[in-house]
């Protein structure tokens, strides 16, 4: 992130693509892309930011790493937008001259883009989001939806109750009413990670059973996470075995959810632990 600059809102995550589209509808921008890196660098190849012209509001979307590197990149991008001749590819050594001690090298590419370029841009920059289904609109569900919204996930939020979702819903989050709630499970996209935290243990059990049945038939739900304690899972395991699910099938369920080592039962704390667990799984 950039601090101390009057650049507008620096947006990262899934919302950045939509902000880019909205901005290009108003005017051109200079796209700054991390083309390659050597050694230690703040962002990976493919990371990008867009610096909009004054007529498009002058905002910044995305980030290429912050600090003095980004300060110089912003100045170079604005020069490109002003038509000042300059190289399309810049090399930045992350050493004393930039006030940084990473020791690596970053190559940034500068390209002026317009609304007509959107289709081509999508092939490179369009969001690659992992699908997540969140069953439950309680306190933890609300906290988790807020945490996941800017991360690289396509979130579907499901509940059996009316009026449970915030209005407006978090940007990019798809809210669905389903009664019975487990009826939504067969419609989930293949590869969806499922998080179960409804308002009742009975609903939780119904959703978990539907997920295990789908896993038995299709094997396309990579993660089934159930909120609760080990004692809750012991009771659920007993009931699920009575319904014919094998120990190997029950091993597909993670309960409790969230990475270990994070203490606290506040909704926001649980949400961060669960989001971190999902992010870990994306890198496995």
Protein backbone atom coordinates (compact mmCIF):
# COMPACT_ATOMS: atom_id res chain seq x y z
CA UNK A 1 0.00 0.00 0.00
CA UNK A 2 1.10 3.61 -0.58
CA UNK A 3 0.97 6.05 2.28
CA UNK A 4 1.39 9.81 2.31
CA UNK A 5 0.20 10.21 -1.27
CA UNK A 6 -2.90 11.94 -2.58
CA UNK A 7 -3.64 9.12 -5.01
CA UNK A 8 -7.19 8.13 -4.16
CA UNK A 9 -8.03 4.67 -2.91
CA UNK A 10 -5.45 1.96 -3.47
CA UNK A 11 -7.50 -1.20 -3.90
CA UNK A 12 -6.24 -4.76 -3.82
CA UNK A 13 -7.85 -8.16 -4.20
CA UNK A 14 -10.93 -9.27 -6.12
CA UNK A 15 -12.52 -5.82 -6.16
CA UNK A 16 -9.59 -4.35 -8.09
CA UNK A 17 -10.75 -5.70 -11.44
CA UNK A 18 -14.20 -4.12 -11.14
CA UNK A 19 -12.65 -0.82 -10.06
CA UNK A 20 -10.42 -1.01 -13.12
CA UNK A 21 -13.43 -1.49 -15.40
CA UNK A 22 -15.34 1.34 -13.74
CA UNK A 23 -12.40 3.70 -14.10
CA UNK A 24 -11.74 2.87 -17.75
CA UNK A 25 -15.36 3.74 -18.53
CA UNK A 26 -14.49 7.32 -17.53
CA UNK A 27 -11.07 7.68 -19.09
CA UNK A 28 -7.64 6.17 -19.77
CA UNK A 29 -5.14 4.83 -17.26
CA UNK A 30 -1.54 3.74 -17.20
CA UNK A 31 -1.22 0.08 -16.33
CA UNK A 32 1.89 -0.78 -14.31
CA UNK A 33 2.72 -4.51 -14.29
CA UNK A 34 5.43 -6.45 -12.49
CA UNK A 35 6.95 -8.16 -15.52
CA UNK A 36 9.74 -10.00 -13.72
CA UNK A 37 11.72 -10.03 -10.49
CA UNK A 38 15.11 -11.17 -9.27
CA UNK A 39 15.83 -12.01 -5.65
CA UNK A 40 13.60 -10.62 -2.93
CA UNK A 41 10.77 -8.38 -4.15
CA UNK A 42 7.58 -6.98 -2.57
CA UNK A 43 5.23 -8.35 -5.26
CA UNK A 44 5.24 -11.26 -7.67
CA UNK A 45 5.27 -11.19 -11.50
CA UNK A 46 1.75 -10.46 -12.72
CA UNK A 47 0.94 -8.02 -9.90
CA UNK A 48 -0.36 -4.72 -11.21
CA UNK A 49 -1.72 -1.29 -10.48
CA UNK A 50 -3.60 1.16 -12.67
CA UNK A 51 -3.03 4.90 -12.38
CA UNK A 52 -5.95 6.83 -13.81
CA UNK A 53 -5.86 10.11 -15.67
CA UNK A 54 -7.27 13.25 -14.11
CA UNK A 55 -10.37 12.98 -16.32
CA UNK A 56 -11.00 9.49 -14.87
CA UNK A 57 -10.60 10.75 -11.30
CA UNK A 58 -6.87 10.24 -10.81
CA UNK A 59 -7.33 7.23 -8.53
CA UNK A 60 -5.00 4.27 -8.10
CA UNK A 61 -6.21 0.68 -8.25
CA UNK A 62 -3.98 -2.17 -7.13
CA UNK A 63 -0.38 -2.08 -5.92
CA UNK A 64 3.05 -3.16 -7.12
CA UNK A 65 4.58 -3.20 -3.66
CA UNK A 66 4.35 0.18 -1.96
CA UNK A 67 7.16 2.30 -0.60
CA UNK A 68 9.48 4.38 -2.75
CA UNK A 69 9.27 1.82 -5.55
CA UNK A 70 5.59 2.58 -5.94
CA UNK A 71 6.18 6.33 -5.52
CA UNK A 72 8.50 6.32 -8.52
CA UNK A 73 6.18 4.02 -10.47
CA UNK A 74 3.30 6.45 -9.88
CA UNK A 75 5.38 9.35 -11.18
CA UNK A 76 6.41 7.36 -14.25
CA UNK A 77 2.82 6.29 -14.91
CA UNK A 78 1.59 9.88 -14.78
CA UNK A 79 4.34 10.89 -17.18
CA UNK A 80 3.15 8.22 -19.61
CA UNK A 81 -0.42 9.50 -19.29
CA UNK A 82 0.80 13.04 -20.02
CA UNK A 83 2.44 11.84 -23.23
CA UNK A 84 5.99 12.43 -21.98
CA UNK A 85 8.30 10.05 -23.85
CA UNK A 86 9.73 7.28 -21.70
CA UNK A 87 10.71 3.64 -21.69
CA UNK A 88 7.90 1.10 -21.49
CA UNK A 89 10.01 -1.18 -19.27
CA UNK A 90 11.77 0.13 -16.17
CA UNK A 91 14.30 -1.61 -13.93
CA UNK A 92 14.24 -0.86 -10.21
CA UNK A 93 17.00 -2.10 -7.90
CA UNK A 94 15.57 -2.44 -4.39
CA UNK A 95 18.54 -0.95 -2.61
CA UNK A 96 19.60 2.27 -0.89
CA UNK A 97 18.61 4.49 -3.83
CA UNK A 98 14.97 3.50 -3.21
CA UNK A 99 15.27 3.52 0.56
CA UNK A 100 14.66 -0.21 0.58
CA UNK A 101 16.78 -3.16 1.65
CA UNK A 102 15.12 -6.09 -0.14
CA UNK A 103 18.18 -6.48 -2.34
CA UNK A 104 16.20 -7.68 -5.34
CA UNK A 105 15.32 -6.23 -8.72
CA UNK A 106 11.88 -5.46 -10.12
CA UNK A 107 11.08 -4.86 -13.78
CA UNK A 108 7.90 -2.83 -14.31
CA UNK A 109 6.10 -2.42 -17.62
CA UNK A 110 4.07 0.74 -18.31
CA UNK A 111 1.17 0.68 -20.79
CA UNK A 112 -1.52 3.30 -21.40
CA UNK A 113 -4.89 1.52 -21.58
CA UNK A 114 -8.42 2.51 -22.55
CA UNK A 115 -11.90 0.98 -22.38
CA UNK A 116 -11.36 -0.66 -25.79
CA UNK A 117 -8.59 -2.79 -24.24
CA UNK A 118 -10.80 -4.50 -21.64
CA UNK A 119 -11.29 -7.79 -23.50
CA UNK A 120 -7.55 -8.26 -24.00
CA UNK A 121 -6.80 -7.16 -20.44
CA UNK A 122 -9.15 -9.76 -19.01
CA UNK A 123 -7.01 -12.55 -20.43
CA UNK A 124 -4.07 -11.31 -18.31
CA UNK A 125 -5.61 -9.49 -15.38
CA UNK A 126 -9.09 -10.92 -14.96
CA UNK A 127 -9.62 -12.34 -11.47
CA UNK A 128 -8.88 -16.03 -10.96
CA UNK A 129 -11.08 -16.63 -7.94
CA UNK A 130 -11.50 -19.86 -6.00
CA UNK A 131 -15.18 -20.62 -5.26
CA UNK A 132 -16.27 -20.65 -1.61
CA UNK A 133 -19.76 -21.42 -0.26
CA UNK A 134 -20.52 -19.99 3.18
CA UNK A 135 -23.57 -21.50 4.87
CA UNK A 136 -24.77 -19.25 7.67
CA UNK A 137 -25.49 -15.56 8.16
CA UNK A 138 -24.74 -15.27 11.87
CA UNK A 139 -22.08 -13.15 13.55
CA UNK A 140 -19.17 -15.28 12.32
CA UNK A 141 -20.71 -15.52 8.85
CA UNK A 142 -20.94 -11.74 8.60
CA UNK A 143 -17.37 -11.30 9.82
CA UNK A 144 -16.10 -13.96 7.43
CA UNK A 145 -17.92 -12.48 4.43
CA UNK A 146 -16.22 -9.13 5.15
CA UNK A 147 -12.79 -10.76 5.45
CA UNK A 148 -13.13 -12.92 2.32
CA UNK A 149 -14.62 -10.22 0.08
CA UNK A 150 -11.31 -8.55 -0.95
CA UNK A 151 -9.41 -11.86 -1.12
CA UNK A 152 -9.07 -14.10 -4.22
CA UNK A 153 -12.32 -15.99 -3.61
CA UNK A 154 -15.70 -16.02 -5.34
CA UNK A 155 -18.01 -16.15 -2.33
CA UNK A 156 -21.55 -17.52 -2.39
CA UNK A 157 -23.31 -16.80 0.92
CA UNK A 158 -26.28 -19.02 1.73
CA UNK A 159 -28.91 -19.01 4.49
CA UNK A 160 -32.41 -20.39 4.98
CA UNK A 161 -33.70 -17.26 6.73
CA UNK A 162 -35.10 -14.12 5.14
CA UNK A 163 -33.56 -10.71 5.78
CA UNK A 164 -30.30 -12.12 7.10
CA UNK A 165 -27.88 -10.61 4.59
CA UNK A 166 -26.62 -7.02 4.77
CA UNK A 167 -28.09 -4.54 2.33
CA UNK A 168 -26.17 -3.86 0.22
CA UNK A 169 -24.24 -7.12 0.22
CA UNK A 170 -20.43 -6.93 0.20
CA UNK A 171 -19.15 -6.12 -3.27
CA UNK A 172 -18.83 -9.25 -5.41
CA UNK A 173 -20.54 -11.56 -2.89
CA UNK A 174 -23.50 -13.58 -4.19
CA UNK A 175 -26.22 -14.01 -1.55
CA UNK A 176 -28.71 -16.87 -1.85
CA UNK A 177 -31.79 -17.87 0.13
CA UNK A 178 -32.26 -21.65 0.23
CA UNK A 179 -34.95 -23.55 2.13
CA UNK A 180 -34.07 -26.17 3.06
CA UNK A 181 -30.56 -24.82 3.20
CA UNK A 182 -28.88 -28.07 2.12
CA UNK A 183 -30.74 -27.91 -1.20
CA UNK A 184 -28.08 -25.47 -2.37
CA UNK A 185 -25.27 -28.04 -2.11
CA UNK A 186 -25.92 -29.89 -5.42
CA UNK A 187 -25.82 -26.55 -7.28
CA UNK A 188 -22.36 -25.49 -6.06
CA UNK A 189 -19.64 -25.07 -8.65
CA UNK A 190 -17.12 -27.92 -8.86
CA UNK A 191 -14.10 -27.21 -6.72
CA UNK A 192 -16.02 -25.17 -4.15
CA UNK A 193 -14.65 -24.97 -0.61
CA UNK A 194 -17.60 -25.24 1.80
CA UNK A 195 -17.86 -23.51 5.18
CA UNK A 196 -20.71 -24.60 7.44
CA UNK A 197 -21.81 -22.29 10.28
CA UNK A 198 -25.60 -22.02 10.25
CA UNK A 199 -27.78 -20.86 13.13
CA UNK A 200 -28.53 -24.43 14.29
CA UNK A 201 -26.70 -27.71 14.68
CA UNK A 202 -29.55 -29.44 12.86
CA UNK A 203 -28.94 -27.32 9.75
CA UNK A 204 -25.21 -27.80 10.08
CA UNK A 205 -25.70 -31.56 10.09
CA UNK A 206 -27.99 -31.41 7.05
CA UNK A 207 -25.48 -29.38 5.08
CA UNK A 208 -22.56 -31.62 6.04
CA UNK A 209 -24.57 -34.72 5.03
CA UNK A 210 -25.41 -33.13 1.67
CA UNK A 211 -21.74 -32.28 1.12
CA UNK A 212 -20.60 -35.80 1.98
CA UNK A 213 -23.24 -37.26 -0.33
CA UNK A 214 -22.03 -35.02 -3.15
CA UNK A 215 -18.44 -35.93 -2.34
CA UNK A 216 -19.38 -39.62 -2.55
CA UNK A 217 -21.03 -39.12 -5.94
CA UNK A 218 -18.75 -36.54 -7.57
CA UNK A 219 -15.68 -36.03 -5.38
CA UNK A 220 -15.45 -32.36 -6.33
CA UNK A 221 -15.61 -30.51 -2.99
CA UNK A 222 -11.97 -30.05 -1.94
CA UNK A 223 -12.73 -28.66 1.52
CA UNK A 224 -15.68 -29.10 3.88
CA UNK A 225 -15.18 -27.02 7.01
CA UNK A 226 -17.54 -27.13 9.99
CA UNK A 227 -17.47 -24.56 12.77
CA UNK A 228 -17.50 -25.99 16.27
CA UNK A 229 -15.58 -27.89 18.88
CA UNK A 230 -14.10 -31.38 18.87
CA UNK A 231 -17.00 -32.53 21.02
CA UNK A 232 -19.46 -31.22 18.42
CA UNK A 233 -17.64 -33.14 15.73
CA UNK A 234 -17.66 -36.29 17.87
CA UNK A 235 -21.46 -36.10 18.10
CA UNK A 236 -21.77 -35.34 14.39
CA UNK A 237 -19.44 -38.22 13.50
CA UNK A 238 -21.58 -40.64 15.48
CA UNK A 239 -24.74 -39.50 13.70
CA UNK A 240 -23.11 -39.52 10.27
CA UNK A 241 -21.75 -43.05 10.75
CA UNK A 242 -25.27 -44.12 11.74
CA UNK A 243 -26.40 -42.75 8.36
CA UNK A 244 -23.91 -44.90 6.49
CA UNK A 245 -20.91 -42.63 6.00
CA UNK A 246 -17.55 -44.34 6.46
CA UNK A 247 -14.60 -43.04 8.50
CA UNK A 248 -12.77 -42.36 5.23
CA UNK A 249 -15.66 -40.19 4.06
CA UNK A 250 -15.85 -38.36 7.38
CA UNK A 251 -12.15 -37.53 7.01
CA UNK A 252 -13.17 -35.06 4.30
CA UNK A 253 -14.66 -32.80 7.01
CA UNK A 254 -12.46 -30.36 8.93
CA UNK A 255 -13.75 -29.48 12.39
CA UNK A 256 -12.82 -27.24 14.13
CA UNK A 257 -11.96 -24.85 11.30
CA UNK A 258 -9.28 -22.18 11.18
CA UNK A 259 -5.51 -22.40 11.42
CA UNK A 260 -4.14 -23.43 14.77
CA UNK A 261 -2.39 -21.05 17.10
CA UNK A 262 -4.85 -18.16 16.83
CA UNK A 263 -6.59 -17.65 20.16
CA UNK A 264 -9.97 -16.04 20.71
CA UNK A 265 -13.59 -16.78 19.91
CA UNK A 266 -14.63 -13.35 18.72
CA UNK A 267 -16.28 -13.55 15.28
CA UNK A 268 -13.60 -11.41 13.68
CA UNK A 269 -10.80 -13.57 15.13
CA UNK A 270 -12.44 -16.76 13.89
CA UNK A 271 -12.98 -15.17 10.48
CA UNK A 272 -9.29 -14.31 10.12
CA UNK A 273 -8.25 -17.84 11.16
CA UNK A 274 -10.62 -19.42 8.63
CA UNK A 275 -9.59 -17.06 5.83
CA UNK A 276 -5.95 -17.88 6.53
CA UNK A 277 -6.73 -21.59 6.30
CA UNK A 278 -8.37 -21.11 2.90
CA UNK A 279 -5.40 -19.07 1.68
CA UNK A 280 -3.02 -21.82 2.83
CA UNK A 281 -4.99 -24.33 0.80
CA UNK A 282 -4.67 -22.19 -2.34
CA UNK A 283 -0.87 -22.52 -2.15
CA UNK A 284 -0.76 -26.28 -1.49
